[in-house]
Amino acid sequence: MDAPERGALMLVRFIAVSLIAISVVEIALYWVLSSAHQTPMQTFPCVLKSIPAVVGIVILIKAKAVANWLSDLLD
């Protein structure tokens, strides 16, 4: 694997992990706010806030293919 392909793979993995982390932080903040205001957590906001995590997991699974596509696109 050449250096540009490794760089593209590292970038794709970083973006995927960032999406997962952002989603975890959003859900944690929603949980803290709902417990501070003594309101029950609702399903729809939790599902909506977990969409970036699902996208990040899919990108992590397909990281090599996405990195090859990105490397070919930039060539």
Protein backbone atom coordinates (compact mmCIF):
# COMPACT_ATOMS: atom_id res chain seq x y z
CA MET A 1 0.00 0.00 0.00
CA ASP A 2 1.47 3.33 -1.08
CA ALA A 3 1.67 6.43 1.07
CA PRO A 4 -1.30 8.23 -0.56
CA GLU A 5 -3.51 5.17 -0.06
CA ARG A 6 -2.44 4.90 3.58
CA GLY A 7 -3.15 8.59 4.05
CA ALA A 8 -6.59 8.23 2.49
CA LEU A 9 -7.30 5.21 4.71
CA MET A 10 -6.21 7.15 7.79
CA LEU A 11 -8.43 10.10 6.78
CA VAL A 12 -11.45 7.86 6.21
CA ARG A 13 -10.97 6.11 9.55
CA PHE A 14 -10.54 9.45 11.34
CA ILE A 15 -13.76 10.80 9.84
CA ALA A 16 -15.66 7.63 10.77
CA VAL A 17 -14.43 7.68 14.36
CA SER A 18 -15.22 11.41 14.58
CA LEU A 19 -18.79 10.77 13.45
CA ILE A 20 -19.19 8.09 16.10
CA ALA A 21 -17.71 10.34 18.80
CA ILE A 22 -19.95 13.27 17.85
CA SER A 23 -22.99 11.03 18.04
CA VAL A 24 -21.99 9.67 21.46
CA VAL A 25 -21.46 13.21 22.78
CA GLU A 26 -24.83 14.36 21.40
CA ILE A 27 -26.67 11.46 23.02
CA ALA A 28 -24.82 12.00 26.31
CA LEU A 29 -25.71 15.70 26.30
CA TYR A 30 -29.34 14.87 25.55
CA TRP A 31 -29.37 12.39 28.45
CA VAL A 32 -27.81 14.96 30.82
CA LEU A 33 -30.29 17.65 29.81
CA SER A 34 -33.26 15.34 30.12
CA SER A 35 -32.17 14.17 33.55
CA ALA A 36 -31.48 17.75 34.69
CA HIS A 37 -34.96 18.87 33.63
CA GLN A 38 -36.53 15.67 34.98
CA THR A 39 -38.13 14.83 31.63
CA PRO A 40 -38.12 11.35 30.09
CA MET A 41 -35.91 10.68 27.11
CA GLN A 42 -37.85 10.28 23.88
CA THR A 43 -37.08 7.73 21.21
CA PHE A 44 -37.11 9.94 18.12
CA PRO A 45 -34.40 12.41 19.28
CA CYS A 46 -32.19 9.48 20.33
CA VAL A 47 -32.62 7.80 16.95
CA LEU A 48 -31.99 11.08 15.16
CA LYS A 49 -28.82 11.71 17.16
CA SER A 50 -27.54 8.17 16.53
CA ILE A 51 -27.63 8.46 12.72
CA PRO A 52 -24.03 9.80 12.51
CA ALA A 53 -22.87 6.80 14.58
CA VAL A 54 -24.49 4.38 12.15
CA VAL A 55 -22.91 6.20 9.20
CA GLY A 56 -19.53 6.11 10.99
CA ILE A 57 -19.79 2.37 11.61
CA VAL A 58 -20.69 1.76 7.96
CA ILE A 59 -17.74 3.88 6.85
CA LEU A 60 -15.43 1.96 9.20
CA ILE A 61 -16.63 -1.33 7.74
CA LYS A 62 -16.12 -0.08 4.18
CA ALA A 63 -12.99 2.00 4.98
CA LYS A 64 -10.69 0.28 2.50
CA ALA A 65 -13.13 0.65 -0.39
CA VAL A 66 -13.86 4.29 0.46
CA ALA A 67 -10.12 5.02 0.78
CA ASN A 68 -9.41 3.42 -2.60
CA TRP A 69 -12.26 5.42 -4.15
CA LEU A 70 -10.92 8.62 -2.59
CA SER A 71 -7.36 7.87 -3.70
CA ASP A 72 -8.52 7.17 -7.27
CA LEU A 73 -10.63 10.32 -7.25
CA LEU A 74 -7.66 12.48 -6.24
CA ASP A 75 -5.28 10.93 -8.80
